[in-house]
Amino acid sequence: MAYAVLVKDLVKYYGRFKALRGISFHIFEGEVFGLIGPNGAGKTTTLRILATLLKPDSGKAQIYGYDVVKEATKVKSLIGYLPEEAGLYERLTGYENLLFFAKLYAKDKKELEEMLEYGIKIANLGDRIHDKVKNYSKGMKRRLTLARALMVKPKLAILDEPTVGLDVYAAVTLRNTIKRYVKETGNTVLFSSHNMLEVEYLCDRIAFINKGVIVAEGSPRELKDKFGVSNLEEAFVKAMGLKVEE
């Protein structure tokens, strides 16, 4: 199988702090891959490097064979990035937000219309798509930002905590949207999350990261078997070397 993402010996410093300590992993085309770890483990740093927003200090990262530093412009044309705190234009309607971003990518009117139609479908806001974003709930805003990231059908969607802070219904809706997107397009998704139920539901494979190091990698089943546990939460705790009080 071809690689959508190839990361090898990636190192990143913030001043004297070594956020990434030579991590390596790969993601196959058409795969949903989870990068999972505690706060400060290096997840967001890794995602930002892959999104061309940060430069590594050493090592390499490639998206569909293109170097994220040397060929950043090409990489940007292949990815959609949803940061944890994605912003929207609050005084515009949901439709106007999608239209604004579609115009940045569409090559002609036909492509623009197709992007908008797909974005509206993903957002699934009904008539509320024509309301101003400032009147949306947090869940509605997150659905709109996800639609903005996916409506261009990126070869690689990079999603940082896509369901953080959402209620159960909103989170389930977003998970199903991501699952459906991969099935419809055959494209690749890389995401981070603290919700192990979500991770197990969505991911083909997972990498646990801690203190800038990949400590375990495999499918949900492989990781549970490796650590001799019945669920991913327990596998995560063991991989992190944590002790839970009885």
C-alpha atoms as a PDB file:
ATOM      1  CA  MET A   1       0.000   0.000   0.000  1.00  0.00           C
ATOM      2  CA  ALA A   2       1.116   3.562  -0.745  1.00  0.00           C
ATOM      3  CA  TYR A   3       1.880   6.008   2.047  1.00  0.00           C
ATOM      4  CA  ALA A   4      -0.266   9.106   2.511  1.00  0.00           C
ATOM      5  CA  VAL A   5       2.021  10.282   5.320  1.00  0.00           C
ATOM      6  CA  LEU A   6       5.606   9.344   6.095  1.00  0.00           C
ATOM      7  CA  VAL A   7       7.278  10.763   9.209  1.00  0.00           C
ATOM      8  CA  LYS A   8      10.856   9.819  10.036  1.00  0.00           C
ATOM      9  CA  ASP A   9      13.014  10.914  12.988  1.00  0.00           C
ATOM     10  CA  LEU A  10      11.083  14.164  13.445  1.00  0.00           C
ATOM     11  CA  VAL A  11      12.539  16.550  16.046  1.00  0.00           C
ATOM     12  CA  LYS A  12      11.139  19.891  17.192  1.00  0.00           C
ATOM     13  CA  TYR A  13      12.414  22.273  19.868  1.00  0.00           C
ATOM     14  CA  TYR A  14      10.675  25.204  21.546  1.00  0.00           C
ATOM     15  CA  GLY A  15      13.668  27.001  22.940  1.00  0.00           C
ATOM     16  CA  ARG A  16      15.418  24.371  25.057  1.00  0.00           C
ATOM     17  CA  PHE A  17      12.327  22.202  25.352  1.00  0.00           C
ATOM     18  CA  LYS A  18      12.363  19.177  23.046  1.00  0.00           C
ATOM     19  CA  ALA A  19       8.732  18.716  22.036  1.00  0.00           C
ATOM     20  CA  LEU A  20       9.381  15.926  19.515  1.00  0.00           C
ATOM     21  CA  ARG A  21      12.206  13.460  20.125  1.00  0.00           C
ATOM     22  CA  GLY A  22      12.712  11.747  16.775  1.00  0.00           C
ATOM     23  CA  ILE A  23       9.241  10.326  16.131  1.00  0.00           C
ATOM     24  CA  SER A  24       8.541   8.065  13.159  1.00  0.00           C
ATOM     25  CA  PHE A  25       5.275   6.661  11.808  1.00  0.00           C
ATOM     26  CA  HIS A  26       3.417   6.198   8.536  1.00  0.00           C
ATOM     27  CA  ILE A  27      -0.202   6.376   7.371  1.00  0.00           C
ATOM     28  CA  PHE A  28      -1.565   4.427   4.430  1.00  0.00           C
ATOM     29  CA  GLU A  29      -3.808   5.953   1.776  1.00  0.00           C
ATOM     30  CA  GLY A  30      -7.489   5.705   2.687  1.00  0.00           C
ATOM     31  CA  GLU A  31      -6.737   5.098   6.355  1.00  0.00           C
ATOM     32  CA  VAL A  32      -8.102   6.816   9.457  1.00  0.00           C
ATOM     33  CA  PHE A  33      -5.118   7.223  11.772  1.00  0.00           C
ATOM     34  CA  GLY A  34      -5.246   8.497  15.351  1.00  0.00           C
ATOM     35  CA  LEU A  35      -2.371  10.288  17.070  1.00  0.00           C
ATOM     36  CA  ILE A  36      -3.227   9.887  20.732  1.00  0.00           C
ATOM     37  CA  GLY A  37      -1.511  11.176  23.850  1.00  0.00           C
ATOM     38  CA  PRO A  38      -1.860  13.307  26.993  1.00  0.00           C
ATOM     39  CA  ASN A  39      -1.719  17.092  26.897  1.00  0.00           C
ATOM     40  CA  GLY A  40       1.766  18.291  25.994  1.00  0.00           C
ATOM     41  CA  ALA A  41       2.756  14.987  24.410  1.00  0.00           C
ATOM     42  CA  GLY A  42       3.543  16.502  21.000  1.00  0.00           C
ATOM     43  CA  LYS A  43       0.321  15.764  19.115  1.00  0.00           C
ATOM     44  CA  THR A  44      -0.537  19.287  18.021  1.00  0.00           C
ATOM     45  CA  THR A  45       3.108  20.056  17.208  1.00  0.00           C
ATOM     46  CA  THR A  46       3.176  17.038  14.889  1.00  0.00           C
ATOM     47  CA  LEU A  47      -0.097  18.019  13.215  1.00  0.00           C
ATOM     48  CA  ARG A  48       1.089  21.584  12.689  1.00  0.00           C
ATOM     49  CA  ILE A  49       4.310  20.381  11.076  1.00  0.00           C
ATOM     50  CA  LEU A  50       2.326  18.151   8.715  1.00  0.00           C
ATOM     51  CA  ALA A  51       0.036  21.103   7.962  1.00  0.00           C
ATOM     52  CA  THR A  52       3.171  23.156   7.020  1.00  0.00           C
ATOM     53  CA  LEU A  53       2.534  25.646   9.851  1.00  0.00           C
ATOM     54  CA  LEU A  54       5.714  24.706  11.746  1.00  0.00           C
ATOM     55  CA  LYS A  55       9.135  23.636  10.535  1.00  0.00           C
ATOM     56  CA  PRO A  56      10.888  20.712  12.224  1.00  0.00           C
ATOM     57  CA  ASP A  57      14.433  21.116  13.492  1.00  0.00           C
ATOM     58  CA  SER A  58      15.455  17.795  11.970  1.00  0.00           C
ATOM     59  CA  GLY A  59      13.995  14.674  10.420  1.00  0.00           C
ATOM     60  CA  LYS A  60      11.535  14.604   7.566  1.00  0.00           C
ATOM     61  CA  ALA A  61       7.815  14.493   6.915  1.00  0.00           C
ATOM     62  CA  GLN A  62       6.152  13.791   3.581  1.00  0.00           C
ATOM     63  CA  ILE A  63       2.546  14.026   2.416  1.00  0.00           C
ATOM     64  CA  TYR A  64       1.902  11.808  -0.613  1.00  0.00           C
ATOM     65  CA  GLY A  65       5.636  11.926  -1.348  1.00  0.00           C
ATOM     66  CA  TYR A  66       5.987  15.715  -1.044  1.00  0.00           C
ATOM     67  CA  ASP A  67       8.259  17.197   1.611  1.00  0.00           C
ATOM     68  CA  VAL A  68       6.331  19.441   4.028  1.00  0.00           C
ATOM     69  CA  VAL A  69       9.183  21.967   4.164  1.00  0.00           C
ATOM     70  CA  LYS A  70      10.708  21.941   0.678  1.00  0.00           C
ATOM     71  CA  GLU A  71       7.396  21.436  -1.157  1.00  0.00           C
ATOM     72  CA  ALA A  72       5.013  23.181   1.230  1.00  0.00           C
ATOM     73  CA  THR A  73       2.921  24.787  -1.514  1.00  0.00           C
ATOM     74  CA  LYS A  74       2.149  21.402  -3.070  1.00  0.00           C
ATOM     75  CA  VAL A  75       1.416  19.904   0.338  1.00  0.00           C
ATOM     76  CA  LYS A  76      -1.049  22.696   1.116  1.00  0.00           C
ATOM     77  CA  SER A  77      -2.995  21.816  -2.018  1.00  0.00           C
ATOM     78  CA  LEU A  78      -3.443  18.237  -0.746  1.00  0.00           C
ATOM     79  CA  ILE A  79      -4.525  18.843   2.846  1.00  0.00           C
ATOM     80  CA  GLY A  80      -7.414  20.204   4.851  1.00  0.00           C
ATOM     81  CA  TYR A  81      -6.549  21.314   8.398  1.00  0.00           C
ATOM     82  CA  LEU A  82      -8.961  21.738  11.286  1.00  0.00           C
ATOM     83  CA  PRO A  83      -7.180  23.120  14.372  1.00  0.00           C
ATOM     84  CA  GLU A  84      -8.646  22.627  17.835  1.00  0.00           C
ATOM     85  CA  GLU A  85      -9.652  26.293  17.974  1.00  0.00           C
ATOM     86  CA  ALA A  86     -10.772  26.890  14.390  1.00  0.00           C
ATOM     87  CA  GLY A  87     -12.214  30.342  13.761  1.00  0.00           C
ATOM     88  CA  LEU A  88     -15.213  31.443  11.732  1.00  0.00           C
ATOM     89  CA  TYR A  89     -16.514  34.803  10.566  1.00  0.00           C
ATOM     90  CA  GLU A  90     -19.188  35.319  13.192  1.00  0.00           C
ATOM     91  CA  ARG A  91     -21.017  38.129  11.390  1.00  0.00           C
ATOM     92  CA  LEU A  92     -21.447  36.073   8.232  1.00  0.00           C
ATOM     93  CA  THR A  93     -23.946  33.278   7.762  1.00  0.00           C
ATOM     94  CA  GLY A  94     -22.844  29.666   7.629  1.00  0.00           C
ATOM     95  CA  TYR A  95     -23.413  29.688   3.885  1.00  0.00           C
ATOM     96  CA  GLU A  96     -21.348  32.851   3.452  1.00  0.00           C
ATOM     97  CA  ASN A  97     -18.497  31.297   5.446  1.00  0.00           C
ATOM     98  CA  LEU A  98     -18.465  28.250   3.181  1.00  0.00           C
ATOM     99  CA  LEU A  99     -18.712  30.433   0.080  1.00  0.00           C
ATOM    100  CA  PHE A 100     -15.760  32.568   1.187  1.00  0.00           C
ATOM    101  CA  PHE A 101     -13.474  29.570   1.693  1.00  0.00           C
ATOM    102  CA  ALA A 102     -14.705  27.739  -1.411  1.00  0.00           C
ATOM    103  CA  LYS A 103     -13.714  30.756  -3.519  1.00  0.00           C
ATOM    104  CA  LEU A 104     -10.140  30.360  -2.266  1.00  0.00           C
ATOM    105  CA  TYR A 105      -9.923  26.836  -3.720  1.00  0.00           C
ATOM    106  CA  ALA A 106     -12.359  26.498  -6.611  1.00  0.00           C
ATOM    107  CA  LYS A 107     -10.892  26.779 -10.111  1.00  0.00           C
ATOM    108  CA  ASP A 108     -14.185  27.592 -11.825  1.00  0.00           C
ATOM    109  CA  LYS A 109     -17.879  28.145 -11.168  1.00  0.00           C
ATOM    110  CA  LYS A 110     -18.774  24.469 -11.509  1.00  0.00           C
ATOM    111  CA  GLU A 111     -16.183  23.422  -8.940  1.00  0.00           C
ATOM    112  CA  LEU A 112     -17.324  26.234  -6.633  1.00  0.00           C
ATOM    113  CA  GLU A 113     -20.920  25.004  -6.769  1.00  0.00           C
ATOM    114  CA  GLU A 114     -19.834  21.407  -6.122  1.00  0.00           C
ATOM    115  CA  MET A 115     -17.742  22.446  -3.109  1.00  0.00           C
ATOM    116  CA  LEU A 116     -20.618  24.469  -1.675  1.00  0.00           C
ATOM    117  CA  GLU A 117     -23.094  21.656  -2.166  1.00  0.00           C
ATOM    118  CA  TYR A 118     -20.770  19.185  -0.457  1.00  0.00           C
ATOM    119  CA  GLY A 119     -19.984  21.624   2.375  1.00  0.00           C
ATOM    120  CA  ILE A 120     -23.674  22.230   3.054  1.00  0.00           C
ATOM    121  CA  LYS A 121     -24.260  18.470   3.104  1.00  0.00           C
ATOM    122  CA  ILE A 122     -21.440  17.917   5.614  1.00  0.00           C
ATOM    123  CA  ALA A 123     -22.534  20.803   7.864  1.00  0.00           C
ATOM    124  CA  ASN A 124     -26.096  19.421   7.889  1.00  0.00           C
ATOM    125  CA  LEU A 125     -27.514  22.608   9.416  1.00  0.00           C
ATOM    126  CA  GLY A 126     -30.736  22.735   7.428  1.00  0.00           C
ATOM    127  CA  ASP A 127     -32.171  26.233   7.117  1.00  0.00           C
ATOM    128  CA  ARG A 128     -29.822  27.419   9.857  1.00  0.00           C
ATOM    129  CA  ILE A 129     -27.051  27.500   7.239  1.00  0.00           C
ATOM    130  CA  HIS A 130     -28.443  30.954   6.368  1.00  0.00           C
ATOM    131  CA  ASP A 131     -28.284  32.243   9.968  1.00  0.00           C
ATOM    132  CA  LYS A 132     -25.375  34.294  11.232  1.00  0.00           C
ATOM    133  CA  VAL A 133     -22.673  32.166  12.834  1.00  0.00           C
ATOM    134  CA  LYS A 134     -22.748  34.269  16.021  1.00  0.00           C
ATOM    135  CA  ASN A 135     -26.130  32.674  16.730  1.00  0.00           C
ATOM    136  CA  TYR A 136     -24.851  29.084  16.379  1.00  0.00           C
ATOM    137  CA  SER A 137     -24.246  26.649  19.212  1.00  0.00           C
ATOM    138  CA  LYS A 138     -20.733  25.251  19.718  1.00  0.00           C
ATOM    139  CA  GLY A 139     -21.763  22.015  18.024  1.00  0.00           C
ATOM    140  CA  MET A 140     -23.141  23.868  14.987  1.00  0.00           C
ATOM    141  CA  LYS A 141     -19.945  25.890  14.689  1.00  0.00           C
ATOM    142  CA  ARG A 142     -17.820  22.751  14.857  1.00  0.00           C
ATOM    143  CA  ARG A 143     -19.894  21.092  12.145  1.00  0.00           C
ATOM    144  CA  LEU A 144     -19.387  24.171   9.985  1.00  0.00           C
ATOM    145  CA  THR A 145     -15.615  24.215  10.530  1.00  0.00           C
ATOM    146  CA  LEU A 146     -15.455  20.502   9.695  1.00  0.00           C
ATOM    147  CA  ALA A 147     -17.460  21.185   6.533  1.00  0.00           C
ATOM    148  CA  ARG A 148     -15.021  23.957   5.653  1.00  0.00           C
ATOM    149  CA  ALA A 149     -12.067  21.565   6.015  1.00  0.00           C
ATOM    150  CA  LEU A 150     -13.646  18.658   4.117  1.00  0.00           C
ATOM    151  CA  MET A 151     -15.661  20.361   1.364  1.00  0.00           C
ATOM    152  CA  VAL A 152     -12.553  20.674  -0.830  1.00  0.00           C
ATOM    153  CA  LYS A 153     -12.137  16.885  -0.481  1.00  0.00           C
ATOM    154  CA  PRO A 154      -8.508  17.037   0.670  1.00  0.00           C
ATOM    155  CA  LYS A 155      -6.366  13.971   0.051  1.00  0.00           C
ATOM    156  CA  LEU A 156      -5.388  14.247   3.723  1.00  0.00           C
ATOM    157  CA  ALA A 157      -7.669  15.769   6.359  1.00  0.00           C
ATOM    158  CA  ILE A 158      -5.784  16.753   9.532  1.00  0.00           C
ATOM    159  CA  LEU A 159      -8.240  17.139  12.407  1.00  0.00           C
ATOM    160  CA  ASP A 160      -7.038  18.299  15.831  1.00  0.00           C
ATOM    161  CA  GLU A 161      -9.551  17.339  18.544  1.00  0.00           C
ATOM    162  CA  PRO A 162     -12.546  17.635  16.170  1.00  0.00           C
ATOM    163  CA  THR A 163     -15.184  16.824  18.830  1.00  0.00           C
ATOM    164  CA  VAL A 164     -13.656  18.558  21.851  1.00  0.00           C
ATOM    165  CA  GLY A 165     -16.246  20.196  24.097  1.00  0.00           C
ATOM    166  CA  LEU A 166     -19.257  18.854  22.202  1.00  0.00           C
ATOM    167  CA  ASP A 167     -22.291  17.130  23.684  1.00  0.00           C
ATOM    168  CA  VAL A 168     -22.909  13.475  22.905  1.00  0.00           C
ATOM    169  CA  TYR A 169     -25.242  14.071  19.965  1.00  0.00           C
ATOM    170  CA  ALA A 170     -22.968  16.635  18.318  1.00  0.00           C
ATOM    171  CA  ALA A 171     -19.915  14.407  18.817  1.00  0.00           C
ATOM    172  CA  VAL A 172     -21.652  11.351  17.335  1.00  0.00           C
ATOM    173  CA  THR A 173     -22.809  13.428  14.367  1.00  0.00           C
ATOM    174  CA  LEU A 174     -19.258  14.601  13.674  1.00  0.00           C
ATOM    175  CA  ARG A 175     -17.813  11.098  13.986  1.00  0.00           C
ATOM    176  CA  ASN A 176     -20.328   9.742  11.522  1.00  0.00           C
ATOM    177  CA  THR A 177     -19.517  12.598   9.147  1.00  0.00           C
ATOM    178  CA  ILE A 178     -15.800  11.741   9.240  1.00  0.00           C
ATOM    179  CA  LYS A 179     -16.526   8.039   8.733  1.00  0.00           C
ATOM    180  CA  ARG A 180     -18.815   8.806   5.780  1.00  0.00           C
ATOM    181  CA  TYR A 181     -16.271  11.192   4.253  1.00  0.00           C
ATOM    182  CA  VAL A 182     -13.580   8.489   4.132  1.00  0.00           C
ATOM    183  CA  LYS A 183     -16.014   5.955   2.703  1.00  0.00           C
ATOM    184  CA  GLU A 184     -17.255   8.354  -0.009  1.00  0.00           C
ATOM    185  CA  THR A 185     -13.888   9.734  -1.086  1.00  0.00           C
ATOM    186  CA  GLY A 186     -11.300   7.063  -0.249  1.00  0.00           C
ATOM    187  CA  ASN A 187      -9.152   9.861   1.174  1.00  0.00           C
ATOM    188  CA  THR A 188      -7.080   9.805   4.355  1.00  0.00           C
ATOM    189  CA  VAL A 189      -7.753  11.243   7.824  1.00  0.00           C
ATOM    190  CA  LEU A 190      -5.270  11.961  10.614  1.00  0.00           C
ATOM    191  CA  PHE A 191      -6.777  13.132  13.862  1.00  0.00           C
ATOM    192  CA  SER A 192      -6.119  13.546  17.556  1.00  0.00           C
ATOM    193  CA  SER A 193      -8.586  12.920  20.366  1.00  0.00           C
ATOM    194  CA  HIS A 194      -8.814  12.151  24.081  1.00  0.00           C
ATOM    195  CA  ASN A 195     -12.013  10.149  23.625  1.00  0.00           C
ATOM    196  CA  MET A 196     -11.047   6.480  23.401  1.00  0.00           C
ATOM    197  CA  LEU A 197     -14.550   5.407  22.352  1.00  0.00           C
ATOM    198  CA  GLU A 198     -14.229   7.804  19.435  1.00  0.00           C
ATOM    199  CA  VAL A 199     -10.735   6.572  18.624  1.00  0.00           C
ATOM    200  CA  GLU A 200     -11.798   2.931  18.573  1.00  0.00           C
ATOM    201  CA  TYR A 201     -14.860   3.718  16.442  1.00  0.00           C
ATOM    202  CA  LEU A 202     -12.989   5.741  13.830  1.00  0.00           C
ATOM    203  CA  CYS A 203      -9.411   4.516  13.613  1.00  0.00           C
ATOM    204  CA  ASP A 204      -7.861   1.812  11.478  1.00  0.00           C
ATOM    205  CA  ARG A 205      -4.574   2.329  13.317  1.00  0.00           C
ATOM    206  CA  ILE A 206      -3.319   4.397  16.242  1.00  0.00           C
ATOM    207  CA  ALA A 207      -0.036   5.750  17.544  1.00  0.00           C
ATOM    208  CA  PHE A 208       0.270   6.544  21.251  1.00  0.00           C
ATOM    209  CA  ILE A 209       2.634   9.478  21.816  1.00  0.00           C
ATOM    210  CA  ASN A 210       4.090  10.602  25.145  1.00  0.00           C
ATOM    211  CA  LYS A 211       6.733  13.245  25.883  1.00  0.00           C
ATOM    212  CA  GLY A 212       7.560  13.541  22.189  1.00  0.00           C
ATOM    213  CA  VAL A 213       8.058   9.804  21.648  1.00  0.00           C
ATOM    214  CA  ILE A 214       5.855   7.204  19.947  1.00  0.00           C
ATOM    215  CA  VAL A 215       5.414   4.534  22.625  1.00  0.00           C
ATOM    216  CA  ALA A 216       3.055   2.118  20.825  1.00  0.00           C
ATOM    217  CA  GLU A 217       1.432   1.743  17.426  1.00  0.00           C
ATOM    218  CA  GLY A 218      -1.114  -0.579  15.833  1.00  0.00           C
ATOM    219  CA  SER A 219      -4.802  -1.234  15.279  1.00  0.00           C
ATOM    220  CA  PRO A 220      -7.160  -0.898  18.267  1.00  0.00           C
ATOM    221  CA  ARG A 221      -7.312  -4.694  18.517  1.00  0.00           C
ATOM    222  CA  GLU A 222      -3.517  -5.061  18.285  1.00  0.00           C
ATOM    223  CA  LEU A 223      -2.967  -2.499  21.037  1.00  0.00           C
ATOM    224  CA  LYS A 224      -5.500  -4.127  23.359  1.00  0.00           C
ATOM    225  CA  ASP A 225      -3.877  -7.507  22.758  1.00  0.00           C
ATOM    226  CA  LYS A 226      -0.380  -6.105  23.244  1.00  0.00           C
ATOM    227  CA  PHE A 227      -1.196  -4.721  26.682  1.00  0.00           C
ATOM    228  CA  GLY A 228      -3.531  -7.566  27.655  1.00  0.00           C
ATOM    229  CA  VAL A 229      -6.550  -5.363  28.294  1.00  0.00           C
ATOM    230  CA  SER A 230     -10.176  -5.202  27.180  1.00  0.00           C
ATOM    231  CA  ASN A 231     -10.411  -1.557  26.130  1.00  0.00           C
ATOM    232  CA  LEU A 232      -8.294   1.241  24.683  1.00  0.00           C
ATOM    233  CA  GLU A 233      -8.409   3.378  27.808  1.00  0.00           C
ATOM    234  CA  GLU A 234      -6.579   0.657  29.726  1.00  0.00           C
ATOM    235  CA  ALA A 235      -4.143   0.163  26.847  1.00  0.00           C
ATOM    236  CA  PHE A 236      -3.462   3.903  26.829  1.00  0.00           C
ATOM    237  CA  VAL A 237      -2.823   4.012  30.583  1.00  0.00           C
ATOM    238  CA  LYS A 238      -0.390   1.088  30.342  1.00  0.00           C
ATOM    239  CA  ALA A 239       1.376   2.568  27.312  1.00  0.00           C
ATOM    240  CA  MET A 240       1.872   5.832  29.191  1.00  0.00           C
ATOM    241  CA  GLY A 241       3.282   3.949  32.190  1.00  0.00           C
ATOM    242  CA  LEU A 242       0.615   5.411  34.459  1.00  0.00           C
ATOM    243  CA  LYS A 243      -0.745   3.868  37.634  1.00  0.00           C
ATOM    244  CA  VAL A 244      -4.438   4.142  38.405  1.00  0.00           C
ATOM    245  CA  GLU A 245      -5.543   4.093  42.033  1.00  0.00           C
ATOM    246  CA  GLU A 246      -8.011   1.322  42.815  1.00  0.00           C
END
